[in-house]
Amino acid sequence: MGIFDALTGDAYSTANRRNQYALATGQQQGGSALMNSGQSALQYLLGAPGQAGSLQVLDRGYDQAGNALTSGYADTRSTLGALQSLYEPMASAGKGAFDLYNDAIGANGTGGQARATAAFQTDPGYQFSMNQALGAVQRSAASRGGLAGGNATAGILNTATGLADQAYGQFVNRLGQGAQAYGQGVQGQAGALGALANASQGYGNASAGLATGRGAALSGTLGQAAGVQQGIGQGIAGLTNSTTNALVNSNDREAQGQTQASGNALGALFGVANLAAGGLGGAGGISSLGNVFSGGASPTSLMGRAGSGLANLFGYSPIPRF
């Protein structure tokens, strides 16, 4: 800083301008760095044209998981449906035997018993056995010459009754076996349906869990993106505040320097005035101004005193007077 800079304050103005330029450049570079890094982070999170981000990767992964779950459930339904169909013939065939068995044991009342009796009497096996037994009785009676007698008639009735009782019991037993087959078929179908119901419930629970996880993951990614954006805003705000504070401080220093320079200039003026006044006073004052140049005080001595005063003001030793 030159001597006269202390009087004009130009050095402070120059420094302030340089500070403002440096601060503006720093703010621009810092803001660009914040925006670039934030944009890169957002691209990693949200993606960009031609570039998948975390959001797209998560979405695609959950789509694949959902497709796999749906495919697995479809396979399970197909398997359980095939298992159920295996029990269908057993259940269908045994249904008639089950109903007729209940008729035969009286579970469906007299109407049911009548249906069971009619079914029994039309049973081919029963008719064959009855015809064979009655023929044998008739032949036996004929061989004894008593076919038309009372004994023959009683024998035929006893044979028919005994055979009917025996055959009916066997008929009911067969119906009971058929009813058991029906029960097994129904039980098998019920088991397959129960497994299918469990599979459906499991599929529903898994789908719900997958949807919940998907929502949470996507929400988390979006929350991270929001945090990045908030961080950019906070960083730029902080950078702006710092720059503003630095500019204010630089302006304050310039104002202080200008104030000090004004004080220096004013002090210099007062110093020169005092020196001049002292020189004039030594020559007899303003009223004896002519004497100053006529012999009371020479211009050289006055300038010497003024020069000595100015030199002392700016920190220089007085010029020796010879």
C-alpha atoms as a PDB file:
ATOM      1  CA  MET A   1       0.000   0.000   0.000  1.00  0.00           C
ATOM      2  CA  GLY A   2       1.450   3.396  -1.032  1.00  0.00           C
ATOM      3  CA  ILE A   3       1.590   6.479   1.155  1.00  0.00           C
ATOM      4  CA  PHE A   4      -1.316   8.141  -0.543  1.00  0.00           C
ATOM      5  CA  ASP A   5      -3.451   4.971  -0.320  1.00  0.00           C
ATOM      6  CA  ALA A   6      -3.653   5.686   3.389  1.00  0.00           C
ATOM      7  CA  LEU A   7      -5.242   9.020   2.503  1.00  0.00           C
ATOM      8  CA  THR A   8      -7.600   7.812  -0.305  1.00  0.00           C
ATOM      9  CA  GLY A   9      -8.618   4.294   0.858  1.00  0.00           C
ATOM     10  CA  ASP A  10      -8.100   2.840  -2.646  1.00  0.00           C
ATOM     11  CA  ALA A  11      -6.330  -0.198  -1.253  1.00  0.00           C
ATOM     12  CA  TYR A  12      -9.407  -1.163   0.776  1.00  0.00           C
ATOM     13  CA  SER A  13     -11.681  -0.725  -2.235  1.00  0.00           C
ATOM     14  CA  THR A  14      -9.403  -2.853  -4.393  1.00  0.00           C
ATOM     15  CA  ALA A  15      -9.228  -5.576  -1.750  1.00  0.00           C
ATOM     16  CA  ASN A  16     -13.019  -5.526  -1.366  1.00  0.00           C
ATOM     17  CA  ARG A  17     -13.547  -5.896  -5.108  1.00  0.00           C
ATOM     18  CA  ARG A  18     -11.168  -8.831  -5.190  1.00  0.00           C
ATOM     19  CA  ASN A  19     -12.913 -10.391  -2.213  1.00  0.00           C
ATOM     20  CA  GLN A  20     -16.299 -10.011  -3.883  1.00  0.00           C
ATOM     21  CA  TYR A  21     -15.030 -11.636  -7.069  1.00  0.00           C
ATOM     22  CA  ALA A  22     -13.430 -14.504  -5.148  1.00  0.00           C
ATOM     23  CA  LEU A  23     -16.568 -15.040  -3.064  1.00  0.00           C
ATOM     24  CA  ALA A  24     -18.850 -14.959  -6.108  1.00  0.00           C
ATOM     25  CA  THR A  25     -16.602 -17.436  -7.910  1.00  0.00           C
ATOM     26  CA  GLY A  26     -16.486 -19.710  -4.867  1.00  0.00           C
ATOM     27  CA  GLN A  27     -20.254 -19.593  -4.455  1.00  0.00           C
ATOM     28  CA  GLN A  28     -20.782 -20.453  -8.111  1.00  0.00           C
ATOM     29  CA  GLN A  29     -18.300 -23.328  -8.012  1.00  0.00           C
ATOM     30  CA  GLY A  30     -19.632 -24.616  -4.700  1.00  0.00           C
ATOM     31  CA  GLY A  31     -23.222 -24.415  -5.919  1.00  0.00           C
ATOM     32  CA  SER A  32     -22.313 -26.247  -9.127  1.00  0.00           C
ATOM     33  CA  ALA A  33     -20.553 -28.963  -7.134  1.00  0.00           C
ATOM     34  CA  LEU A  34     -23.584 -29.371  -4.883  1.00  0.00           C
ATOM     35  CA  MET A  35     -25.980 -29.534  -7.829  1.00  0.00           C
ATOM     36  CA  ASN A  36     -23.812 -31.989  -9.783  1.00  0.00           C
ATOM     37  CA  SER A  37     -23.283 -34.349  -6.878  1.00  0.00           C
ATOM     38  CA  GLY A  38     -26.959 -34.117  -5.928  1.00  0.00           C
ATOM     39  CA  GLN A  39     -28.045 -34.810  -9.507  1.00  0.00           C
ATOM     40  CA  SER A  40     -25.799 -37.869  -9.625  1.00  0.00           C
ATOM     41  CA  ALA A  41     -27.235 -39.140  -6.351  1.00  0.00           C
ATOM     42  CA  LEU A  42     -30.788 -38.616  -7.616  1.00  0.00           C
ATOM     43  CA  GLN A  43     -29.972 -40.504 -10.810  1.00  0.00           C
ATOM     44  CA  TYR A  44     -28.657 -43.431  -8.776  1.00  0.00           C
ATOM     45  CA  LEU A  45     -31.839 -43.391  -6.715  1.00  0.00           C
ATOM     46  CA  LEU A  46     -34.533 -42.467  -9.243  1.00  0.00           C
ATOM     47  CA  GLY A  47     -32.875 -43.358 -12.517  1.00  0.00           C
ATOM     48  CA  ALA A  48     -32.449 -41.379 -15.715  1.00  0.00           C
ATOM     49  CA  PRO A  49     -33.234 -41.924 -19.400  1.00  0.00           C
ATOM     50  CA  GLY A  50     -31.395 -45.090 -20.385  1.00  0.00           C
ATOM     51  CA  GLN A  51     -30.157 -45.690 -16.831  1.00  0.00           C
ATOM     52  CA  ALA A  52     -31.999 -47.711 -14.201  1.00  0.00           C
ATOM     53  CA  GLY A  53     -31.829 -46.396 -10.678  1.00  0.00           C
ATOM     54  CA  SER A  54     -32.497 -47.993  -7.327  1.00  0.00           C
ATOM     55  CA  LEU A  55     -36.216 -47.300  -7.737  1.00  0.00           C
ATOM     56  CA  GLN A  56     -36.446 -49.172 -11.034  1.00  0.00           C
ATOM     57  CA  VAL A  57     -34.289 -52.058  -9.796  1.00  0.00           C
ATOM     58  CA  LEU A  58     -36.482 -52.499  -6.731  1.00  0.00           C
ATOM     59  CA  ASP A  59     -39.649 -52.299  -8.802  1.00  0.00           C
ATOM     60  CA  ARG A  60     -38.362 -54.849 -11.297  1.00  0.00           C
ATOM     61  CA  GLY A  61     -37.214 -57.187  -8.535  1.00  0.00           C
ATOM     62  CA  TYR A  62     -40.600 -57.106  -6.824  1.00  0.00           C
ATOM     63  CA  ASP A  63     -42.297 -57.725 -10.181  1.00  0.00           C
ATOM     64  CA  GLN A  64     -40.163 -60.816 -10.685  1.00  0.00           C
ATOM     65  CA  ALA A  65     -40.895 -62.035  -7.171  1.00  0.00           C
ATOM     66  CA  GLY A  66     -44.616 -61.496  -7.702  1.00  0.00           C
ATOM     67  CA  ASN A  67     -44.541 -63.377 -10.999  1.00  0.00           C
ATOM     68  CA  ALA A  68     -42.671 -66.272  -9.419  1.00  0.00           C
ATOM     69  CA  LEU A  69     -45.170 -66.384  -6.565  1.00  0.00           C
ATOM     70  CA  THR A  70     -48.129 -66.374  -8.941  1.00  0.00           C
ATOM     71  CA  SER A  71     -46.557 -69.088 -11.093  1.00  0.00           C
ATOM     72  CA  GLY A  72     -45.873 -71.266  -8.052  1.00  0.00           C
ATOM     73  CA  TYR A  73     -49.424 -70.849  -6.836  1.00  0.00           C
ATOM     74  CA  ALA A  74     -50.768 -71.828 -10.262  1.00  0.00           C
ATOM     75  CA  ASP A  75     -48.669 -75.016 -10.193  1.00  0.00           C
ATOM     76  CA  THR A  76     -49.944 -75.835  -6.718  1.00  0.00           C
ATOM     77  CA  ARG A  77     -53.554 -75.340  -7.797  1.00  0.00           C
ATOM     78  CA  SER A  78     -53.013 -77.629 -10.769  1.00  0.00           C
ATOM     79  CA  THR A  79     -51.456 -80.363  -8.620  1.00  0.00           C
ATOM     80  CA  LEU A  80     -54.157 -80.206  -5.977  1.00  0.00           C
ATOM     81  CA  GLY A  81     -56.857 -80.130  -8.648  1.00  0.00           C
ATOM     82  CA  ALA A  82     -55.437 -83.311 -10.173  1.00  0.00           C
ATOM     83  CA  LEU A  83     -55.363 -84.929  -6.734  1.00  0.00           C
ATOM     84  CA  GLN A  84     -58.979 -84.007  -6.167  1.00  0.00           C
ATOM     85  CA  SER A  85     -59.992 -85.505  -9.506  1.00  0.00           C
ATOM     86  CA  LEU A  86     -58.420 -88.828  -8.510  1.00  0.00           C
ATOM     87  CA  TYR A  87     -60.997 -89.188  -5.742  1.00  0.00           C
ATOM     88  CA  GLU A  88     -63.902 -88.227  -7.989  1.00  0.00           C
ATOM     89  CA  PRO A  89     -64.719 -91.753  -9.317  1.00  0.00           C
ATOM     90  CA  MET A  90     -64.610 -93.177  -5.821  1.00  0.00           C
ATOM     91  CA  ALA A  91     -66.900 -90.499  -4.505  1.00  0.00           C
ATOM     92  CA  SER A  92     -69.289 -90.637  -7.457  1.00  0.00           C
ATOM     93  CA  ALA A  93     -69.575 -94.440  -7.473  1.00  0.00           C
ATOM     94  CA  GLY A  94     -69.913 -94.673  -3.732  1.00  0.00           C
ATOM     95  CA  LYS A  95     -72.608 -91.991  -3.516  1.00  0.00           C
ATOM     96  CA  GLY A  96     -75.379 -94.371  -4.699  1.00  0.00           C
ATOM     97  CA  ALA A  97     -74.236 -97.101  -2.311  1.00  0.00           C
ATOM     98  CA  PHE A  98     -74.090 -94.598   0.533  1.00  0.00           C
ATOM     99  CA  ASP A  99     -77.640 -93.388  -0.081  1.00  0.00           C
ATOM    100  CA  LEU A 100     -79.022 -96.915  -0.517  1.00  0.00           C
ATOM    101  CA  TYR A 101     -77.188 -98.094   2.594  1.00  0.00           C
ATOM    102  CA  ASN A 102     -78.882 -95.376   4.620  1.00  0.00           C
ATOM    103  CA  ASP A 103     -82.215 -96.505   3.106  1.00  0.00           C
ATOM    104  CA  ALA A 104     -81.522-100.102   4.030  1.00  0.00           C
ATOM    105  CA  ILE A 105     -80.636 -99.385   7.661  1.00  0.00           C
ATOM    106  CA  GLY A 106     -83.723 -97.223   8.060  1.00  0.00           C
ATOM    107  CA  ALA A 107     -81.935 -93.871   8.236  1.00  0.00           C
ATOM    108  CA  ASN A 108     -84.339 -92.444   5.654  1.00  0.00           C
ATOM    109  CA  GLY A 109     -87.579 -93.891   7.078  1.00  0.00           C
ATOM    110  CA  THR A 110     -90.038 -96.363   5.567  1.00  0.00           C
ATOM    111  CA  GLY A 111     -89.713 -94.789   2.160  1.00  0.00           C
ATOM    112  CA  GLY A 112     -85.997 -95.483   2.244  1.00  0.00           C
ATOM    113  CA  GLN A 113     -86.553 -99.069   3.371  1.00  0.00           C
ATOM    114  CA  ALA A 114     -88.986 -99.605   0.487  1.00  0.00           C
ATOM    115  CA  ARG A 115     -86.382 -98.306  -1.961  1.00  0.00           C
ATOM    116  CA  ALA A 116     -83.737-100.613  -0.464  1.00  0.00           C
ATOM    117  CA  THR A 117     -86.084-103.644  -0.656  1.00  0.00           C
ATOM    118  CA  ALA A 118     -86.962-102.924  -4.283  1.00  0.00           C
ATOM    119  CA  ALA A 119     -83.277-102.584  -5.125  1.00  0.00           C
ATOM    120  CA  PHE A 120     -82.518-105.833  -3.320  1.00  0.00           C
ATOM    121  CA  GLN A 121     -85.279-107.759  -5.074  1.00  0.00           C
ATOM    122  CA  THR A 122     -84.085-106.644  -8.486  1.00  0.00           C
ATOM    123  CA  ASP A 123     -80.509-107.580  -7.701  1.00  0.00           C
ATOM    124  CA  PRO A 124     -79.455-110.152 -10.348  1.00  0.00           C
ATOM    125  CA  GLY A 125     -77.496-112.227  -7.883  1.00  0.00           C
ATOM    126  CA  TYR A 126     -80.424-112.519  -5.514  1.00  0.00           C
ATOM    127  CA  GLN A 127     -82.811-113.627  -8.290  1.00  0.00           C
ATOM    128  CA  PHE A 128     -80.364-116.259  -9.512  1.00  0.00           C
ATOM    129  CA  SER A 129     -79.784-117.647  -6.037  1.00  0.00           C
ATOM    130  CA  MET A 130     -83.514-117.724  -5.331  1.00  0.00           C
ATOM    131  CA  ASN A 131     -84.310-119.522  -8.570  1.00  0.00           C
ATOM    132  CA  GLN A 132     -81.588-122.070  -7.938  1.00  0.00           C
ATOM    133  CA  ALA A 133     -82.724-122.755  -4.384  1.00  0.00           C
ATOM    134  CA  LEU A 134     -86.422-123.042  -5.243  1.00  0.00           C
ATOM    135  CA  GLY A 135     -85.664-125.334  -8.179  1.00  0.00           C
ATOM    136  CA  ALA A 136     -83.660-127.617  -5.937  1.00  0.00           C
ATOM    137  CA  VAL A 137     -86.543-127.817  -3.414  1.00  0.00           C
ATOM    138  CA  GLN A 138     -89.060-128.541  -6.145  1.00  0.00           C
ATOM    139  CA  ARG A 139     -86.940-131.254  -7.658  1.00  0.00           C
ATOM    140  CA  SER A 140     -86.437-132.852  -4.287  1.00  0.00           C
ATOM    141  CA  ALA A 141     -90.150-132.837  -3.600  1.00  0.00           C
ATOM    142  CA  ALA A 142     -90.927-134.218  -7.036  1.00  0.00           C
ATOM    143  CA  SER A 143     -88.519-137.043  -6.581  1.00  0.00           C
ATOM    144  CA  ARG A 144     -90.419-137.989  -3.460  1.00  0.00           C
ATOM    145  CA  GLY A 145     -93.758-137.658  -5.231  1.00  0.00           C
ATOM    146  CA  GLY A 146     -94.914-134.864  -2.953  1.00  0.00           C
ATOM    147  CA  LEU A 147     -94.538-131.765  -5.122  1.00  0.00           C
ATOM    148  CA  ALA A 148     -98.108-130.641  -4.587  1.00  0.00           C
ATOM    149  CA  GLY A 149     -98.219-131.449  -0.873  1.00  0.00           C
ATOM    150  CA  GLY A 150     -98.123-129.127   2.053  1.00  0.00           C
ATOM    151  CA  ASN A 151     -94.656-130.185   3.019  1.00  0.00           C
ATOM    152  CA  ALA A 152     -93.310-129.107  -0.333  1.00  0.00           C
ATOM    153  CA  THR A 153     -94.963-125.732  -0.045  1.00  0.00           C
ATOM    154  CA  ALA A 154     -93.625-125.166   3.446  1.00  0.00           C
ATOM    155  CA  GLY A 155     -90.159-126.160   2.342  1.00  0.00           C
ATOM    156  CA  ILE A 156     -90.259-123.739  -0.517  1.00  0.00           C
ATOM    157  CA  LEU A 157     -91.369-120.897   1.773  1.00  0.00           C
ATOM    158  CA  ASN A 158     -88.747-121.676   4.354  1.00  0.00           C
ATOM    159  CA  THR A 159     -86.051-121.840   1.730  1.00  0.00           C
ATOM    160  CA  ALA A 160     -87.151-118.601   0.118  1.00  0.00           C
ATOM    161  CA  THR A 161     -87.376-116.795   3.474  1.00  0.00           C
ATOM    162  CA  GLY A 162     -84.033-118.041   4.689  1.00  0.00           C
ATOM    163  CA  LEU A 163     -82.373-117.242   1.421  1.00  0.00           C
ATOM    164  CA  ALA A 164     -83.916-113.764   1.359  1.00  0.00           C
ATOM    165  CA  ASP A 165     -82.730-113.003   4.888  1.00  0.00           C
ATOM    166  CA  GLN A 166     -79.242-114.197   4.138  1.00  0.00           C
ATOM    167  CA  ALA A 167     -79.043-112.441   0.791  1.00  0.00           C
ATOM    168  CA  TYR A 168     -80.418-109.184   2.206  1.00  0.00           C
ATOM    169  CA  GLY A 169     -77.764-109.159   4.898  1.00  0.00           C
ATOM    170  CA  GLN A 170     -75.095-109.647   2.279  1.00  0.00           C
ATOM    171  CA  PHE A 171     -76.708-106.906   0.197  1.00  0.00           C
ATOM    172  CA  VAL A 172     -76.560-104.468   3.105  1.00  0.00           C
ATOM    173  CA  ASN A 173     -72.940-105.409   3.788  1.00  0.00           C
ATOM    174  CA  ARG A 174     -72.020-104.653   0.191  1.00  0.00           C
ATOM    175  CA  LEU A 175     -73.822-101.334   0.450  1.00  0.00           C
ATOM    176  CA  GLY A 176     -71.820-100.600   3.600  1.00  0.00           C
ATOM    177  CA  GLN A 177     -68.556-101.262   1.753  1.00  0.00           C
ATOM    178  CA  GLY A 178     -69.685 -98.961  -1.016  1.00  0.00           C
ATOM    179  CA  ALA A 179     -70.572 -96.312   1.556  1.00  0.00           C
ATOM    180  CA  GLN A 180     -67.078 -96.617   3.023  1.00  0.00           C
ATOM    181  CA  ALA A 181     -65.571 -96.094  -0.418  1.00  0.00           C
ATOM    182  CA  TYR A 182     -67.729 -93.030  -0.792  1.00  0.00           C
ATOM    183  CA  GLY A 183     -66.493 -91.715   2.544  1.00  0.00           C
ATOM    184  CA  GLN A 184     -62.895 -92.267   1.535  1.00  0.00           C
ATOM    185  CA  GLY A 185     -63.478 -90.498  -1.757  1.00  0.00           C
ATOM    186  CA  VAL A 186     -65.124 -87.554  -0.038  1.00  0.00           C
ATOM    187  CA  GLN A 187     -62.374 -87.433   2.541  1.00  0.00           C
ATOM    188  CA  GLY A 188     -59.744 -87.419  -0.178  1.00  0.00           C
ATOM    189  CA  GLN A 189     -61.505 -84.622  -2.001  1.00  0.00           C
ATOM    190  CA  ALA A 190     -61.869 -82.678   1.223  1.00  0.00           C
ATOM    191  CA  GLY A 191     -58.165 -83.048   1.917  1.00  0.00           C
ATOM    192  CA  ALA A 192     -57.286 -81.767  -1.535  1.00  0.00           C
ATOM    193  CA  LEU A 193     -59.657 -78.826  -1.126  1.00  0.00           C
ATOM    194  CA  GLY A 194     -58.213 -78.084   2.306  1.00  0.00           C
ATOM    195  CA  ALA A 195     -54.694 -78.086   0.879  1.00  0.00           C
ATOM    196  CA  LEU A 196     -55.896 -75.818  -1.917  1.00  0.00           C
ATOM    197  CA  ALA A 197     -57.428 -73.458   0.638  1.00  0.00           C
ATOM    198  CA  ASN A 198     -54.145 -73.370   2.579  1.00  0.00           C
ATOM    199  CA  ALA A 199     -52.254 -72.709  -0.621  1.00  0.00           C
ATOM    200  CA  SER A 200     -54.634 -69.876  -1.476  1.00  0.00           C
ATOM    201  CA  GLN A 201     -54.242 -68.381   1.969  1.00  0.00           C
ATOM    202  CA  GLY A 202     -50.475 -68.709   1.767  1.00  0.00           C
ATOM    203  CA  TYR A 203     -50.501 -67.074  -1.635  1.00  0.00           C
ATOM    204  CA  GLY A 204     -52.607 -64.222  -0.299  1.00  0.00           C
ATOM    205  CA  ASN A 205     -50.335 -63.716   2.711  1.00  0.00           C
ATOM    206  CA  ALA A 206     -47.217 -63.858   0.573  1.00  0.00           C
ATOM    207  CA  SER A 207     -48.703 -61.415  -1.939  1.00  0.00           C
ATOM    208  CA  ALA A 208     -49.667 -59.032   0.837  1.00  0.00           C
ATOM    209  CA  GLY A 209     -46.210 -59.267   2.369  1.00  0.00           C
ATOM    210  CA  LEU A 210     -44.620 -58.698  -1.008  1.00  0.00           C
ATOM    211  CA  ALA A 211     -46.790 -55.665  -1.649  1.00  0.00           C
ATOM    212  CA  THR A 212     -46.001 -54.276   1.795  1.00  0.00           C
ATOM    213  CA  GLY A 213     -42.286 -54.814   1.315  1.00  0.00           C
ATOM    214  CA  ARG A 214     -42.462 -53.235  -2.108  1.00  0.00           C
ATOM    215  CA  GLY A 215     -44.211 -50.182  -0.767  1.00  0.00           C
ATOM    216  CA  ALA A 216     -41.727 -49.835   2.082  1.00  0.00           C
ATOM    217  CA  ALA A 217     -38.717 -50.237  -0.224  1.00  0.00           C
ATOM    218  CA  LEU A 218     -39.999 -47.760  -2.791  1.00  0.00           C
ATOM    219  CA  SER A 219     -40.983 -45.338  -0.064  1.00  0.00           C
ATOM    220  CA  GLY A 220     -37.518 -45.602   1.437  1.00  0.00           C
ATOM    221  CA  THR A 221     -35.902 -44.859  -1.916  1.00  0.00           C
ATOM    222  CA  LEU A 222     -38.149 -41.869  -2.487  1.00  0.00           C
ATOM    223  CA  GLY A 223     -37.358 -40.705   1.039  1.00  0.00           C
ATOM    224  CA  GLN A 224     -33.647 -40.909   0.245  1.00  0.00           C
ATOM    225  CA  ALA A 225     -34.225 -38.861  -2.893  1.00  0.00           C
ATOM    226  CA  ALA A 226     -36.114 -36.278  -0.883  1.00  0.00           C
ATOM    227  CA  GLY A 227     -33.243 -36.202   1.598  1.00  0.00           C
ATOM    228  CA  VAL A 228     -30.769 -35.589  -1.213  1.00  0.00           C
ATOM    229  CA  GLN A 229     -32.873 -32.719  -2.528  1.00  0.00           C
ATOM    230  CA  GLN A 230     -33.198 -31.292   0.953  1.00  0.00           C
ATOM    231  CA  GLY A 231     -29.447 -31.601   1.416  1.00  0.00           C
ATOM    232  CA  ILE A 232     -28.840 -29.708  -1.830  1.00  0.00           C
ATOM    233  CA  GLY A 233     -31.149 -26.932  -0.689  1.00  0.00           C
ATOM    234  CA  GLN A 234     -29.530 -26.761   2.726  1.00  0.00           C
ATOM    235  CA  GLY A 235     -26.054 -26.797   1.207  1.00  0.00           C
ATOM    236  CA  ILE A 236     -26.841 -23.976  -1.201  1.00  0.00           C
ATOM    237  CA  ALA A 237     -28.535 -22.015   1.578  1.00  0.00           C
ATOM    238  CA  GLY A 238     -25.501 -22.495   3.813  1.00  0.00           C
ATOM    239  CA  LEU A 239     -23.160 -21.514   1.007  1.00  0.00           C
ATOM    240  CA  THR A 240     -25.236 -18.417   0.297  1.00  0.00           C
ATOM    241  CA  ASN A 241     -25.269 -17.459   3.972  1.00  0.00           C
ATOM    242  CA  SER A 242     -21.507 -17.894   4.254  1.00  0.00           C
ATOM    243  CA  THR A 243     -20.928 -15.840   1.114  1.00  0.00           C
ATOM    244  CA  THR A 244     -23.299 -13.143   2.322  1.00  0.00           C
ATOM    245  CA  ASN A 245     -21.558 -12.961   5.690  1.00  0.00           C
ATOM    246  CA  ALA A 246     -18.172 -12.797   4.011  1.00  0.00           C
ATOM    247  CA  LEU A 247     -19.361 -10.020   1.680  1.00  0.00           C
ATOM    248  CA  VAL A 248     -20.748  -8.078   4.631  1.00  0.00           C
ATOM    249  CA  ASN A 249     -17.443  -8.450   6.480  1.00  0.00           C
ATOM    250  CA  SER A 250     -15.509  -7.366   3.397  1.00  0.00           C
ATOM    251  CA  ASN A 251     -17.748  -4.325   2.967  1.00  0.00           C
ATOM    252  CA  ASP A 252     -17.332  -3.532   6.650  1.00  0.00           C
ATOM    253  CA  ARG A 253     -13.557  -3.678   6.315  1.00  0.00           C
ATOM    254  CA  GLU A 254     -13.729  -1.392   3.278  1.00  0.00           C
ATOM    255  CA  ALA A 255     -15.923   1.062   5.186  1.00  0.00           C
ATOM    256  CA  GLN A 256     -13.555   0.964   8.140  1.00  0.00           C
ATOM    257  CA  GLY A 257     -10.607   1.504   5.800  1.00  0.00           C
ATOM    258  CA  GLN A 258     -12.348   4.414   4.096  1.00  0.00           C
ATOM    259  CA  THR A 259     -13.119   5.928   7.493  1.00  0.00           C
ATOM    260  CA  GLN A 260      -9.515   5.518   8.568  1.00  0.00           C
ATOM    261  CA  ALA A 261      -8.275   6.983   5.274  1.00  0.00           C
ATOM    262  CA  SER A 262     -10.551   9.988   5.740  1.00  0.00           C
ATOM    263  CA  GLY A 263      -9.149  10.427   9.242  1.00  0.00           C
ATOM    264  CA  ASN A 264      -5.607  10.217   7.898  1.00  0.00           C
ATOM    265  CA  ALA A 265      -6.338  12.790   5.204  1.00  0.00           C
ATOM    266  CA  LEU A 266      -7.999  15.123   7.661  1.00  0.00           C
ATOM    267  CA  GLY A 267      -5.110  14.722  10.109  1.00  0.00           C
ATOM    268  CA  ALA A 268      -2.654  15.486   7.347  1.00  0.00           C
ATOM    269  CA  LEU A 269      -4.530  18.645   6.441  1.00  0.00           C
ATOM    270  CA  PHE A 270      -4.615  19.751  10.069  1.00  0.00           C
ATOM    271  CA  GLY A 271      -0.906  19.002  10.371  1.00  0.00           C
ATOM    272  CA  VAL A 272      -0.061  21.107   7.331  1.00  0.00           C
ATOM    273  CA  ALA A 273      -2.296  23.905   8.604  1.00  0.00           C
ATOM    274  CA  ASN A 274      -0.622  23.815  11.997  1.00  0.00           C
ATOM    275  CA  LEU A 275       2.813  23.885  10.439  1.00  0.00           C
ATOM    276  CA  ALA A 276       1.843  26.778   8.234  1.00  0.00           C
ATOM    277  CA  ALA A 277       0.277  28.608  11.160  1.00  0.00           C
ATOM    278  CA  GLY A 278       3.418  28.067  13.220  1.00  0.00           C
ATOM    279  CA  GLY A 279       5.585  29.432  10.450  1.00  0.00           C
ATOM    280  CA  LEU A 280       3.422  32.489  10.034  1.00  0.00           C
ATOM    281  CA  GLY A 281       3.278  33.083  13.780  1.00  0.00           C
ATOM    282  CA  GLY A 282       7.076  33.057  13.999  1.00  0.00           C
ATOM    283  CA  ALA A 283       7.183  35.772  11.336  1.00  0.00           C
ATOM    284  CA  GLY A 284       4.759  38.108  13.149  1.00  0.00           C
ATOM    285  CA  GLY A 285       1.380  36.617  12.233  1.00  0.00           C
ATOM    286  CA  ILE A 286      -0.890  37.263   9.322  1.00  0.00           C
ATOM    287  CA  SER A 287      -0.623  40.991   9.875  1.00  0.00           C
ATOM    288  CA  SER A 288       3.176  40.817   9.391  1.00  0.00           C
ATOM    289  CA  LEU A 289       2.907  38.561   6.337  1.00  0.00           C
ATOM    290  CA  GLY A 290       5.066  40.958   4.406  1.00  0.00           C
ATOM    291  CA  ASN A 291       7.770  40.562   6.989  1.00  0.00           C
ATOM    292  CA  VAL A 292       7.744  36.864   6.421  1.00  0.00           C
ATOM    293  CA  PHE A 293       9.213  37.332   3.011  1.00  0.00           C
ATOM    294  CA  SER A 294      11.129  40.495   3.815  1.00  0.00           C
ATOM    295  CA  GLY A 295      13.417  39.173   6.446  1.00  0.00           C
ATOM    296  CA  GLY A 296      11.427  37.936   9.427  1.00  0.00           C
ATOM    297  CA  ALA A 297      11.107  34.390   8.048  1.00  0.00           C
ATOM    298  CA  SER A 298      12.318  33.152   4.736  1.00  0.00           C
ATOM    299  CA  PRO A 299      10.206  30.919   2.496  1.00  0.00           C
ATOM    300  CA  THR A 300      12.918  28.341   2.753  1.00  0.00           C
ATOM    301  CA  SER A 301      12.633  28.155   6.511  1.00  0.00           C
ATOM    302  CA  LEU A 302       8.829  27.930   6.302  1.00  0.00           C
ATOM    303  CA  MET A 303       8.908  25.119   3.765  1.00  0.00           C
ATOM    304  CA  GLY A 304      11.558  23.444   5.817  1.00  0.00           C
ATOM    305  CA  ARG A 305       9.297  23.472   8.835  1.00  0.00           C
ATOM    306  CA  ALA A 306       6.319  22.256   6.816  1.00  0.00           C
ATOM    307  CA  GLY A 307       8.370  19.542   5.199  1.00  0.00           C
ATOM    308  CA  SER A 308       9.676  18.468   8.574  1.00  0.00           C
ATOM    309  CA  GLY A 309       6.116  18.300   9.938  1.00  0.00           C
ATOM    310  CA  LEU A 310       4.821  16.243   6.972  1.00  0.00           C
ATOM    311  CA  ALA A 311       7.810  13.937   7.182  1.00  0.00           C
ATOM    312  CA  ASN A 312       7.114  13.314  10.855  1.00  0.00           C
ATOM    313  CA  LEU A 313       3.417  12.742  10.070  1.00  0.00           C
ATOM    314  CA  PHE A 314       4.141   9.927   7.612  1.00  0.00           C
ATOM    315  CA  GLY A 315       6.905   8.371   9.679  1.00  0.00           C
ATOM    316  CA  TYR A 316       9.998   9.836   8.009  1.00  0.00           C
ATOM    317  CA  SER A 317      12.878  11.493   9.773  1.00  0.00           C
ATOM    318  CA  PRO A 318      13.218  15.230   9.139  1.00  0.00           C
ATOM    319  CA  ILE A 319      15.558  16.175   6.336  1.00  0.00           C
ATOM    320  CA  PRO A 320      18.704  17.529   7.942  1.00  0.00           C
ATOM    321  CA  ARG A 321      19.068  21.202   7.598  1.00  0.00           C
ATOM    322  CA  PHE A 322      22.447  22.374   6.675  1.00  0.00           C
END
